[in-house]
Amino acid sequence: MLREGELKIPSGCAISGIIDKEGKRFNGDEIIKSITLMHDRSNGLGGGFAAYGIYPQYKDFYALHIFYDNLSIKMQTEDFISKHFDIESAGNIPTKPVPGVKNKPLIWRYFVHPRNYMVKEGFVDEAEFTSRYIIKINKEYKGAYVFSSGKNMGTFKGVGYPEDIGKFFMLETYEGYMWTAHGRFPTNTPGWWGGAHPFTMLDWSVVHNGEISSYDANRRFVEMYGYKCTLQTDTEVITYLFDMLVRKHNIPMEKAIKVVAAPFWEDIERENKEVQNELKSIRSVYASALINGPFSIILGFKKGMIALND
């Protein structure tokens, strides 16, 4: 029998993803069934889902899903949101009692659009404007946490096994063309509602399994570009990396993948000179964005999902 220290298991997390390539929407039952099959790869300290295409009636608005610790911080945060965004609709996210889900925070949802004059005055586009204020809330408003912020998509997560979280949020009542799921087995951080996965920023969502040993270098790198990592979790920094590379730096997805999960030098040497020079340049400029595994990642965004393994 192997003893402690003789075998390292980086993580037992469960991940799953389902997409209809034709864009047809289906409810959350199938993704719940999928992640339930991996029940033993979770420990009940976190579960969650990301769904795309679920808010067609509000597709032009950012859907902010927010956890609150109490009514006081809720009022403060809502006052802040109303000063910077037009609120089309607001209300609590419907849930139902589930035995395995306890100590829930206040869970609210807002469909918002940045105030046009503020966007113009800031000389940024609406996505950058929105991301900056999401980060500001999560950094400065203790007891409030924006855990989802995309258009026509949403994240639903909490402390519990993923199948219980899916029932808690009644995901069978939502329809989307793409779903991802995560069953958490925390190794470095405690189980709390905001720390459950998926982690999102705007339309990006990430679930991952494994250990990102380069977390601190990655964190310092993205924080140079205005992000603030508040969760001490590698899934957060992976999400920020893709948002930075693709949205801020306009790097095509194929190249962004080679930044984050770069090929080995020996593999680069096998390519022709033009490709070699490109890959070497990428690795030189974005050396701190390279993530080290072992890991498995499912990246969700509006146009689809990508799976990465190392």
C-alpha atoms as a PDB file:
ATOM      1  CA  MET A   1       0.000   0.000   0.000  1.00  0.00           C
ATOM      2  CA  LEU A   2       1.286   3.458  -0.944  1.00  0.00           C
ATOM      3  CA  ARG A   3       1.714   5.862   1.957  1.00  0.00           C
ATOM      4  CA  GLU A   4       1.569   9.646   2.269  1.00  0.00           C
ATOM      5  CA  GLY A   5       4.323  11.275   0.230  1.00  0.00           C
ATOM      6  CA  GLU A   6       4.747   8.294  -2.108  1.00  0.00           C
ATOM      7  CA  LEU A   7       2.009   9.381  -4.517  1.00  0.00           C
ATOM      8  CA  LYS A   8       0.857  12.889  -5.384  1.00  0.00           C
ATOM      9  CA  ILE A   9      -2.684  13.455  -6.649  1.00  0.00           C
ATOM     10  CA  PRO A  10      -2.816  17.146  -7.672  1.00  0.00           C
ATOM     11  CA  SER A  11      -6.599  17.409  -7.649  1.00  0.00           C
ATOM     12  CA  GLY A  12      -9.722  15.314  -7.774  1.00  0.00           C
ATOM     13  CA  CYS A  13     -11.895  17.981  -9.353  1.00  0.00           C
ATOM     14  CA  ALA A  14     -14.588  16.939 -11.860  1.00  0.00           C
ATOM     15  CA  ILE A  15     -15.175  18.913 -15.063  1.00  0.00           C
ATOM     16  CA  SER A  16     -17.662  18.491 -17.896  1.00  0.00           C
ATOM     17  CA  GLY A  17     -18.904  20.373 -20.942  1.00  0.00           C
ATOM     18  CA  ILE A  18     -21.737  19.953 -23.468  1.00  0.00           C
ATOM     19  CA  ILE A  19     -22.380  22.044 -26.583  1.00  0.00           C
ATOM     20  CA  ASP A  20     -24.927  21.895 -29.413  1.00  0.00           C
ATOM     21  CA  LYS A  21     -22.863  22.891 -32.452  1.00  0.00           C
ATOM     22  CA  GLU A  22     -25.987  24.040 -34.286  1.00  0.00           C
ATOM     23  CA  GLY A  23     -26.806  26.463 -31.477  1.00  0.00           C
ATOM     24  CA  LYS A  24     -29.986  24.708 -30.349  1.00  0.00           C
ATOM     25  CA  ARG A  25     -30.828  25.308 -26.720  1.00  0.00           C
ATOM     26  CA  PHE A  26     -31.480  22.572 -24.170  1.00  0.00           C
ATOM     27  CA  ASN A  27     -32.095  22.652 -20.441  1.00  0.00           C
ATOM     28  CA  GLY A  28     -29.658  21.936 -17.632  1.00  0.00           C
ATOM     29  CA  ASP A  29     -30.721  18.356 -16.923  1.00  0.00           C
ATOM     30  CA  GLU A  30     -28.052  16.782 -19.152  1.00  0.00           C
ATOM     31  CA  ILE A  31     -25.110  18.702 -17.701  1.00  0.00           C
ATOM     32  CA  ILE A  32     -26.306  17.830 -14.174  1.00  0.00           C
ATOM     33  CA  LYS A  33     -26.446  14.133 -15.133  1.00  0.00           C
ATOM     34  CA  SER A  34     -22.979  14.416 -16.651  1.00  0.00           C
ATOM     35  CA  ILE A  35     -21.290  15.899 -13.602  1.00  0.00           C
ATOM     36  CA  THR A  36     -23.202  13.584 -11.227  1.00  0.00           C
ATOM     37  CA  LEU A  37     -21.326  10.639 -12.757  1.00  0.00           C
ATOM     38  CA  MET A  38     -18.149  12.131 -11.261  1.00  0.00           C
ATOM     39  CA  HIS A  39     -19.582  12.587  -7.771  1.00  0.00           C
ATOM     40  CA  ASP A  40     -16.528  10.996  -6.113  1.00  0.00           C
ATOM     41  CA  ARG A  41     -14.213  13.550  -7.714  1.00  0.00           C
ATOM     42  CA  SER A  42     -15.777  16.268  -5.552  1.00  0.00           C
ATOM     43  CA  ASN A  43     -15.866  16.675  -1.794  1.00  0.00           C
ATOM     44  CA  GLY A  44     -18.940  18.858  -1.392  1.00  0.00           C
ATOM     45  CA  LEU A  45     -17.021  22.116  -0.925  1.00  0.00           C
ATOM     46  CA  GLY A  46     -17.982  23.605  -4.280  1.00  0.00           C
ATOM     47  CA  GLY A  47     -19.932  22.987  -7.449  1.00  0.00           C
ATOM     48  CA  GLY A  48     -21.073  25.114 -10.329  1.00  0.00           C
ATOM     49  CA  PHE A  49     -22.214  25.581 -13.909  1.00  0.00           C
ATOM     50  CA  ALA A  50     -21.842  28.096 -16.728  1.00  0.00           C
ATOM     51  CA  ALA A  51     -24.594  28.334 -19.353  1.00  0.00           C
ATOM     52  CA  TYR A  52     -24.643  30.241 -22.646  1.00  0.00           C
ATOM     53  CA  GLY A  53     -27.763  31.449 -24.469  1.00  0.00           C
ATOM     54  CA  ILE A  54     -29.992  31.459 -21.391  1.00  0.00           C
ATOM     55  CA  TYR A  55     -31.072  35.129 -21.476  1.00  0.00           C
ATOM     56  CA  PRO A  56     -32.235  35.814 -25.063  1.00  0.00           C
ATOM     57  CA  GLN A  57     -34.730  38.437 -23.867  1.00  0.00           C
ATOM     58  CA  TYR A  58     -31.847  40.408 -22.317  1.00  0.00           C
ATOM     59  CA  LYS A  59     -29.115  39.475 -24.803  1.00  0.00           C
ATOM     60  CA  ASP A  60     -27.865  43.074 -25.143  1.00  0.00           C
ATOM     61  CA  PHE A  61     -27.395  43.552 -21.396  1.00  0.00           C
ATOM     62  CA  TYR A  62     -24.685  42.375 -19.043  1.00  0.00           C
ATOM     63  CA  ALA A  63     -26.147  39.882 -16.566  1.00  0.00           C
ATOM     64  CA  LEU A  64     -24.542  40.530 -13.187  1.00  0.00           C
ATOM     65  CA  HIS A  65     -24.950  37.670 -10.717  1.00  0.00           C
ATOM     66  CA  ILE A  66     -23.929  38.813  -7.236  1.00  0.00           C
ATOM     67  CA  PHE A  67     -23.527  37.183  -3.814  1.00  0.00           C
ATOM     68  CA  TYR A  68     -24.171  39.418  -0.788  1.00  0.00           C
ATOM     69  CA  ASP A  69     -23.352  38.719   2.843  1.00  0.00           C
ATOM     70  CA  ASN A  70     -26.068  41.052   4.146  1.00  0.00           C
ATOM     71  CA  LEU A  71     -28.628  43.707   3.184  1.00  0.00           C
ATOM     72  CA  SER A  72     -26.347  46.591   4.123  1.00  0.00           C
ATOM     73  CA  ILE A  73     -23.645  45.701   1.589  1.00  0.00           C
ATOM     74  CA  LYS A  74     -26.360  44.941  -0.954  1.00  0.00           C
ATOM     75  CA  MET A  75     -27.700  48.503  -0.658  1.00  0.00           C
ATOM     76  CA  GLN A  76     -24.198  49.988  -0.951  1.00  0.00           C
ATOM     77  CA  THR A  77     -23.370  47.901  -4.014  1.00  0.00           C
ATOM     78  CA  GLU A  78     -26.671  48.650  -5.719  1.00  0.00           C
ATOM     79  CA  ASP A  79     -26.082  52.355  -5.191  1.00  0.00           C
ATOM     80  CA  PHE A  80     -22.664  51.993  -6.836  1.00  0.00           C
ATOM     81  CA  ILE A  81     -24.089  49.994  -9.766  1.00  0.00           C
ATOM     82  CA  SER A  82     -26.897  52.476 -10.370  1.00  0.00           C
ATOM     83  CA  LYS A  83     -24.392  55.343 -10.625  1.00  0.00           C
ATOM     84  CA  HIS A  84     -22.469  53.649 -13.437  1.00  0.00           C
ATOM     85  CA  PHE A  85     -25.024  51.446 -15.203  1.00  0.00           C
ATOM     86  CA  ASP A  86     -28.591  51.671 -16.449  1.00  0.00           C
ATOM     87  CA  ILE A  87     -30.472  48.816 -14.789  1.00  0.00           C
ATOM     88  CA  GLU A  88     -33.033  47.200 -17.076  1.00  0.00           C
ATOM     89  CA  SER A  89     -34.188  44.580 -14.566  1.00  0.00           C
ATOM     90  CA  ALA A  90     -33.213  43.336 -11.111  1.00  0.00           C
ATOM     91  CA  GLY A  91     -34.308  40.599  -8.726  1.00  0.00           C
ATOM     92  CA  ASN A  92     -33.186  37.631  -6.688  1.00  0.00           C
ATOM     93  CA  ILE A  93     -32.101  34.526  -8.593  1.00  0.00           C
ATOM     94  CA  PRO A  94     -34.757  31.812  -8.014  1.00  0.00           C
ATOM     95  CA  THR A  95     -33.638  28.859  -5.910  1.00  0.00           C
ATOM     96  CA  LYS A  96     -35.273  25.996  -4.059  1.00  0.00           C
ATOM     97  CA  PRO A  97     -34.339  24.245  -0.803  1.00  0.00           C
ATOM     98  CA  VAL A  98     -31.907  21.343  -1.247  1.00  0.00           C
ATOM     99  CA  PRO A  99     -30.661  19.375   1.809  1.00  0.00           C
ATOM    100  CA  GLY A 100     -27.019  19.450   0.692  1.00  0.00           C
ATOM    101  CA  VAL A 101     -26.899  23.222   0.199  1.00  0.00           C
ATOM    102  CA  LYS A 102     -26.723  25.324   3.356  1.00  0.00           C
ATOM    103  CA  ASN A 103     -25.777  28.803   4.573  1.00  0.00           C
ATOM    104  CA  LYS A 104     -26.616  30.474   1.275  1.00  0.00           C
ATOM    105  CA  PRO A 105     -25.842  34.179   0.828  1.00  0.00           C
ATOM    106  CA  LEU A 106     -28.228  36.680  -0.748  1.00  0.00           C
ATOM    107  CA  ILE A 107     -28.153  35.894  -4.471  1.00  0.00           C
ATOM    108  CA  TRP A 108     -29.229  38.627  -6.878  1.00  0.00           C
ATOM    109  CA  ARG A 109     -29.237  39.246 -10.612  1.00  0.00           C
ATOM    110  CA  TYR A 110     -29.121  42.528 -12.539  1.00  0.00           C
ATOM    111  CA  PHE A 111     -29.397  43.135 -16.280  1.00  0.00           C
ATOM    112  CA  VAL A 112     -27.414  46.302 -16.916  1.00  0.00           C
ATOM    113  CA  HIS A 113     -25.849  48.483 -19.583  1.00  0.00           C
ATOM    114  CA  PRO A 114     -22.968  50.919 -18.962  1.00  0.00           C
ATOM    115  CA  ARG A 115     -23.989  54.577 -18.951  1.00  0.00           C
ATOM    116  CA  ASN A 116     -23.050  55.787 -22.427  1.00  0.00           C
ATOM    117  CA  TYR A 117     -21.658  59.150 -21.389  1.00  0.00           C
ATOM    118  CA  MET A 118     -19.391  57.515 -18.792  1.00  0.00           C
ATOM    119  CA  VAL A 119     -18.034  55.084 -21.388  1.00  0.00           C
ATOM    120  CA  LYS A 120     -17.251  57.978 -23.736  1.00  0.00           C
ATOM    121  CA  GLU A 121     -15.665  60.041 -20.978  1.00  0.00           C
ATOM    122  CA  GLY A 122     -13.455  57.106 -20.027  1.00  0.00           C
ATOM    123  CA  PHE A 123     -12.258  56.577 -23.634  1.00  0.00           C
ATOM    124  CA  VAL A 124     -12.902  52.828 -23.373  1.00  0.00           C
ATOM    125  CA  ASP A 125     -15.415  50.429 -24.870  1.00  0.00           C
ATOM    126  CA  GLU A 126     -18.332  49.064 -22.840  1.00  0.00           C
ATOM    127  CA  ALA A 127     -16.646  45.711 -22.156  1.00  0.00           C
ATOM    128  CA  GLU A 128     -13.585  47.357 -20.640  1.00  0.00           C
ATOM    129  CA  PHE A 129     -15.789  49.765 -18.676  1.00  0.00           C
ATOM    130  CA  THR A 130     -17.831  46.868 -17.290  1.00  0.00           C
ATOM    131  CA  SER A 131     -14.815  44.736 -16.404  1.00  0.00           C
ATOM    132  CA  ARG A 132     -13.177  47.616 -14.506  1.00  0.00           C
ATOM    133  CA  TYR A 133     -16.221  48.171 -12.329  1.00  0.00           C
ATOM    134  CA  ILE A 134     -16.713  44.464 -11.680  1.00  0.00           C
ATOM    135  CA  ILE A 135     -13.137  44.285 -10.424  1.00  0.00           C
ATOM    136  CA  LYS A 136     -13.730  47.400  -8.306  1.00  0.00           C
ATOM    137  CA  ILE A 137     -16.784  45.855  -6.620  1.00  0.00           C
ATOM    138  CA  ASN A 138     -14.975  42.596  -5.882  1.00  0.00           C
ATOM    139  CA  LYS A 139     -11.921  44.425  -4.568  1.00  0.00           C
ATOM    140  CA  GLU A 140     -13.495  47.232  -2.528  1.00  0.00           C
ATOM    141  CA  TYR A 141     -16.992  46.146  -1.455  1.00  0.00           C
ATOM    142  CA  LYS A 142     -16.383  43.593   1.273  1.00  0.00           C
ATOM    143  CA  GLY A 143     -19.309  41.204   1.484  1.00  0.00           C
ATOM    144  CA  ALA A 144     -20.320  41.624  -2.170  1.00  0.00           C
ATOM    145  CA  TYR A 145     -19.010  39.449  -4.966  1.00  0.00           C
ATOM    146  CA  VAL A 146     -19.867  39.583  -8.689  1.00  0.00           C
ATOM    147  CA  PHE A 147     -19.569  35.969  -9.768  1.00  0.00           C
ATOM    148  CA  SER A 148     -20.968  36.274 -13.307  1.00  0.00           C
ATOM    149  CA  SER A 149     -21.031  39.208 -15.732  1.00  0.00           C
ATOM    150  CA  GLY A 150     -21.492  38.114 -19.360  1.00  0.00           C
ATOM    151  CA  LYS A 151     -24.132  38.826 -21.970  1.00  0.00           C
ATOM    152  CA  ASN A 152     -26.736  36.117 -22.597  1.00  0.00           C
ATOM    153  CA  MET A 153     -24.891  33.758 -20.275  1.00  0.00           C
ATOM    154  CA  GLY A 154     -24.691  33.094 -16.584  1.00  0.00           C
ATOM    155  CA  THR A 155     -22.838  31.198 -13.887  1.00  0.00           C
ATOM    156  CA  PHE A 156     -24.554  29.352 -11.048  1.00  0.00           C
ATOM    157  CA  LYS A 157     -22.350  28.079  -8.250  1.00  0.00           C
ATOM    158  CA  GLY A 158     -22.075  27.525  -4.533  1.00  0.00           C
ATOM    159  CA  VAL A 159     -20.879  25.316  -1.703  1.00  0.00           C
ATOM    160  CA  GLY A 160     -22.106  21.759  -2.171  1.00  0.00           C
ATOM    161  CA  TYR A 161     -21.855  18.893  -4.612  1.00  0.00           C
ATOM    162  CA  PRO A 162     -22.480  20.080  -8.178  1.00  0.00           C
ATOM    163  CA  GLU A 163     -25.630  18.004  -8.646  1.00  0.00           C
ATOM    164  CA  ASP A 164     -27.093  19.626  -5.522  1.00  0.00           C
ATOM    165  CA  ILE A 165     -26.091  23.096  -6.735  1.00  0.00           C
ATOM    166  CA  GLY A 166     -27.797  22.388 -10.079  1.00  0.00           C
ATOM    167  CA  LYS A 167     -31.020  21.429  -8.301  1.00  0.00           C
ATOM    168  CA  PHE A 168     -30.701  24.403  -5.943  1.00  0.00           C
ATOM    169  CA  PHE A 169     -30.607  26.852  -8.876  1.00  0.00           C
ATOM    170  CA  MET A 170     -33.305  24.876 -10.759  1.00  0.00           C
ATOM    171  CA  LEU A 171     -31.186  24.619 -13.902  1.00  0.00           C
ATOM    172  CA  GLU A 172     -33.864  22.496 -15.551  1.00  0.00           C
ATOM    173  CA  THR A 173     -35.781  25.775 -15.990  1.00  0.00           C
ATOM    174  CA  TYR A 174     -32.990  27.354 -18.098  1.00  0.00           C
ATOM    175  CA  GLU A 175     -32.159  26.603 -21.721  1.00  0.00           C
ATOM    176  CA  GLY A 176     -28.747  27.219 -23.298  1.00  0.00           C
ATOM    177  CA  TYR A 177     -26.721  26.004 -26.268  1.00  0.00           C
ATOM    178  CA  MET A 178     -23.612  25.316 -24.170  1.00  0.00           C
ATOM    179  CA  TRP A 179     -23.017  24.220 -20.591  1.00  0.00           C
ATOM    180  CA  THR A 180     -19.931  23.553 -18.493  1.00  0.00           C
ATOM    181  CA  ALA A 181     -19.766  22.123 -14.986  1.00  0.00           C
ATOM    182  CA  HIS A 182     -17.307  21.730 -12.136  1.00  0.00           C
ATOM    183  CA  GLY A 183     -17.192  19.617  -9.000  1.00  0.00           C
ATOM    184  CA  ARG A 184     -14.652  21.098  -6.639  1.00  0.00           C
ATOM    185  CA  PHE A 185     -12.048  19.350  -4.534  1.00  0.00           C
ATOM    186  CA  PRO A 186     -10.218  22.332  -2.956  1.00  0.00           C
ATOM    187  CA  THR A 187      -6.591  21.747  -2.109  1.00  0.00           C
ATOM    188  CA  ASN A 188      -5.335  25.234  -1.234  1.00  0.00           C
ATOM    189  CA  THR A 189      -8.424  27.320  -0.405  1.00  0.00           C
ATOM    190  CA  PRO A 190     -11.536  26.829   1.739  1.00  0.00           C
ATOM    191  CA  GLY A 191     -14.937  26.078   0.316  1.00  0.00           C
ATOM    192  CA  TRP A 192     -17.015  29.250   0.049  1.00  0.00           C
ATOM    193  CA  TRP A 193     -19.661  30.421  -2.400  1.00  0.00           C
ATOM    194  CA  GLY A 194     -17.538  32.868  -4.360  1.00  0.00           C
ATOM    195  CA  GLY A 195     -14.626  30.459  -4.587  1.00  0.00           C
ATOM    196  CA  ALA A 196     -16.643  27.725  -6.283  1.00  0.00           C
ATOM    197  CA  HIS A 197     -16.039  27.270 -10.005  1.00  0.00           C
ATOM    198  CA  PRO A 198     -16.628  28.142 -12.859  1.00  0.00           C
ATOM    199  CA  PHE A 199     -14.811  31.427 -12.615  1.00  0.00           C
ATOM    200  CA  THR A 200     -15.887  34.062 -15.126  1.00  0.00           C
ATOM    201  CA  MET A 201     -15.092  37.492 -16.505  1.00  0.00           C
ATOM    202  CA  LEU A 202     -17.564  38.984 -18.988  1.00  0.00           C
ATOM    203  CA  ASP A 203     -18.320  36.168 -21.483  1.00  0.00           C
ATOM    204  CA  TRP A 204     -15.355  33.994 -20.440  1.00  0.00           C
ATOM    205  CA  SER A 205     -15.804  31.012 -18.129  1.00  0.00           C
ATOM    206  CA  VAL A 206     -13.222  28.500 -16.949  1.00  0.00           C
ATOM    207  CA  VAL A 207     -13.411  25.156 -15.186  1.00  0.00           C
ATOM    208  CA  HIS A 208     -10.210  23.272 -14.568  1.00  0.00           C
ATOM    209  CA  ASN A 209      -8.776  20.182 -12.966  1.00  0.00           C
ATOM    210  CA  GLY A 210      -5.214  19.944 -11.779  1.00  0.00           C
ATOM    211  CA  GLU A 211      -2.549  22.126 -10.294  1.00  0.00           C
ATOM    212  CA  ILE A 212      -1.274  25.370 -11.794  1.00  0.00           C
ATOM    213  CA  SER A 213       2.180  25.682 -10.248  1.00  0.00           C
ATOM    214  CA  SER A 214       2.816  29.023 -12.012  1.00  0.00           C
ATOM    215  CA  TYR A 215      -0.087  30.791 -10.255  1.00  0.00           C
ATOM    216  CA  ASP A 216       1.922  33.513  -8.532  1.00  0.00           C
ATOM    217  CA  ALA A 217       3.866  34.511 -11.674  1.00  0.00           C
ATOM    218  CA  ASN A 218       0.602  34.511 -13.672  1.00  0.00           C
ATOM    219  CA  ARG A 219      -1.134  36.576 -10.993  1.00  0.00           C
ATOM    220  CA  ARG A 220       1.570  39.247 -10.900  1.00  0.00           C
ATOM    221  CA  PHE A 221       1.481  39.434 -14.695  1.00  0.00           C
ATOM    222  CA  VAL A 222      -2.279  40.000 -15.080  1.00  0.00           C
ATOM    223  CA  GLU A 223      -2.348  42.486 -12.199  1.00  0.00           C
ATOM    224  CA  MET A 224       0.021  44.660 -14.254  1.00  0.00           C
ATOM    225  CA  TYR A 225      -2.929  45.093 -16.639  1.00  0.00           C
ATOM    226  CA  GLY A 226      -5.507  46.192 -14.078  1.00  0.00           C
ATOM    227  CA  TYR A 227      -6.887  42.858 -12.876  1.00  0.00           C
ATOM    228  CA  LYS A 228      -7.071  42.010  -9.197  1.00  0.00           C
ATOM    229  CA  CYS A 229      -6.959  38.385  -8.103  1.00  0.00           C
ATOM    230  CA  THR A 230      -9.049  38.230  -4.947  1.00  0.00           C
ATOM    231  CA  LEU A 231      -9.642  34.484  -4.677  1.00  0.00           C
ATOM    232  CA  GLN A 232      -6.151  32.937  -4.492  1.00  0.00           C
ATOM    233  CA  THR A 233      -7.241  30.326  -7.026  1.00  0.00           C
ATOM    234  CA  ASP A 234      -5.655  29.369 -10.326  1.00  0.00           C
ATOM    235  CA  THR A 235      -8.982  29.232 -12.182  1.00  0.00           C
ATOM    236  CA  GLU A 236      -9.379  32.967 -11.591  1.00  0.00           C
ATOM    237  CA  VAL A 237      -6.006  33.834 -13.088  1.00  0.00           C
ATOM    238  CA  ILE A 238      -6.574  31.579 -16.140  1.00  0.00           C
ATOM    239  CA  THR A 239      -9.814  33.437 -16.895  1.00  0.00           C
ATOM    240  CA  TYR A 240      -8.092  36.806 -16.617  1.00  0.00           C
ATOM    241  CA  LEU A 241      -5.267  35.635 -18.883  1.00  0.00           C
ATOM    242  CA  PHE A 242      -7.637  34.769 -21.726  1.00  0.00           C
ATOM    243  CA  ASP A 243      -9.627  37.969 -21.243  1.00  0.00           C
ATOM    244  CA  MET A 244      -6.411  39.990 -21.384  1.00  0.00           C
ATOM    245  CA  LEU A 245      -4.891  38.211 -24.382  1.00  0.00           C
ATOM    246  CA  VAL A 246      -7.963  37.945 -26.608  1.00  0.00           C
ATOM    247  CA  ARG A 247     -10.064  40.967 -25.614  1.00  0.00           C
ATOM    248  CA  LYS A 248      -7.445  43.506 -24.536  1.00  0.00           C
ATOM    249  CA  HIS A 249      -4.514  42.532 -26.751  1.00  0.00           C
ATOM    250  CA  ASN A 250      -6.598  41.308 -29.719  1.00  0.00           C
ATOM    251  CA  ILE A 251      -4.596  38.104 -30.045  1.00  0.00           C
ATOM    252  CA  PRO A 252      -6.410  35.419 -32.093  1.00  0.00           C
ATOM    253  CA  MET A 253      -7.626  32.512 -29.984  1.00  0.00           C
ATOM    254  CA  GLU A 254      -5.270  30.019 -31.638  1.00  0.00           C
ATOM    255  CA  LYS A 255      -2.262  32.135 -30.673  1.00  0.00           C
ATOM    256  CA  ALA A 256      -3.626  32.884 -27.206  1.00  0.00           C
ATOM    257  CA  ILE A 257      -3.739  29.143 -26.553  1.00  0.00           C
ATOM    258  CA  LYS A 258      -0.061  28.904 -27.548  1.00  0.00           C
ATOM    259  CA  VAL A 259       0.718  31.672 -25.074  1.00  0.00           C
ATOM    260  CA  VAL A 260      -1.039  30.026 -22.137  1.00  0.00           C
ATOM    261  CA  ALA A 261      -0.195  26.419 -23.046  1.00  0.00           C
ATOM    262  CA  ALA A 262       2.933  26.974 -25.118  1.00  0.00           C
ATOM    263  CA  PRO A 263       4.589  24.104 -27.027  1.00  0.00           C
ATOM    264  CA  PHE A 264       7.934  22.808 -25.753  1.00  0.00           C
ATOM    265  CA  TRP A 265      11.111  24.226 -27.264  1.00  0.00           C
ATOM    266  CA  GLU A 266      11.865  20.901 -28.968  1.00  0.00           C
ATOM    267  CA  ASP A 267       8.438  21.013 -30.617  1.00  0.00           C
ATOM    268  CA  ILE A 268       9.034  24.593 -31.758  1.00  0.00           C
ATOM    269  CA  GLU A 269      12.327  23.555 -33.370  1.00  0.00           C
ATOM    270  CA  ARG A 270      10.484  21.094 -35.608  1.00  0.00           C
ATOM    271  CA  GLU A 271       8.440  23.882 -37.226  1.00  0.00           C
ATOM    272  CA  ASN A 272       9.477  25.918 -40.266  1.00  0.00           C
ATOM    273  CA  LYS A 273      11.448  29.133 -39.670  1.00  0.00           C
ATOM    274  CA  GLU A 274       8.451  31.467 -39.902  1.00  0.00           C
ATOM    275  CA  VAL A 275       6.450  29.492 -37.328  1.00  0.00           C
ATOM    276  CA  GLN A 276       9.530  29.103 -35.135  1.00  0.00           C
ATOM    277  CA  ASN A 277      10.108  32.851 -35.035  1.00  0.00           C
ATOM    278  CA  GLU A 278       6.455  33.524 -34.230  1.00  0.00           C
ATOM    279  CA  LEU A 279       6.327  30.984 -31.411  1.00  0.00           C
ATOM    280  CA  LYS A 280       9.639  32.134 -29.961  1.00  0.00           C
ATOM    281  CA  SER A 281       8.425  35.736 -30.000  1.00  0.00           C
ATOM    282  CA  ILE A 282       5.203  34.734 -28.240  1.00  0.00           C
ATOM    283  CA  ARG A 283       7.089  32.823 -25.556  1.00  0.00           C
ATOM    284  CA  SER A 284       9.498  35.726 -25.031  1.00  0.00           C
ATOM    285  CA  VAL A 285       6.863  38.472 -24.777  1.00  0.00           C
ATOM    286  CA  TYR A 286       4.343  36.485 -22.748  1.00  0.00           C
ATOM    287  CA  ALA A 287       6.652  34.273 -20.713  1.00  0.00           C
ATOM    288  CA  SER A 288       4.816  35.119 -17.476  1.00  0.00           C
ATOM    289  CA  ALA A 289       1.470  34.108 -19.011  1.00  0.00           C
ATOM    290  CA  LEU A 290       2.586  30.517 -19.558  1.00  0.00           C
ATOM    291  CA  ILE A 291       0.786  28.185 -17.163  1.00  0.00           C
ATOM    292  CA  ASN A 292       2.479  25.066 -15.828  1.00  0.00           C
ATOM    293  CA  GLY A 293       0.512  21.897 -15.141  1.00  0.00           C
ATOM    294  CA  PRO A 294      -0.498  19.179 -14.957  1.00  0.00           C
ATOM    295  CA  PHE A 295      -3.979  20.436 -15.770  1.00  0.00           C
ATOM    296  CA  SER A 296      -7.144  20.026 -17.810  1.00  0.00           C
ATOM    297  CA  ILE A 297      -9.071  23.176 -18.701  1.00  0.00           C
ATOM    298  CA  ILE A 298     -12.426  23.821 -20.356  1.00  0.00           C
ATOM    299  CA  LEU A 299     -12.669  27.396 -21.577  1.00  0.00           C
ATOM    300  CA  GLY A 300     -16.139  28.660 -22.449  1.00  0.00           C
ATOM    301  CA  PHE A 301     -16.880  31.756 -24.529  1.00  0.00           C
ATOM    302  CA  LYS A 302     -19.756  32.881 -26.753  1.00  0.00           C
ATOM    303  CA  LYS A 303     -18.539  31.102 -29.889  1.00  0.00           C
ATOM    304  CA  GLY A 304     -17.860  27.769 -28.252  1.00  0.00           C
ATOM    305  CA  MET A 305     -15.586  25.904 -25.876  1.00  0.00           C
ATOM    306  CA  ILE A 306     -11.977  24.760 -25.955  1.00  0.00           C
ATOM    307  CA  ALA A 307     -10.369  21.961 -23.927  1.00  0.00           C
ATOM    308  CA  LEU A 308      -6.684  22.224 -22.982  1.00  0.00           C
ATOM    309  CA  ASN A 309      -4.582  19.509 -21.380  1.00  0.00           C
ATOM    310  CA  ASP A 310      -1.006  19.389 -20.127  1.00  0.00           C
END
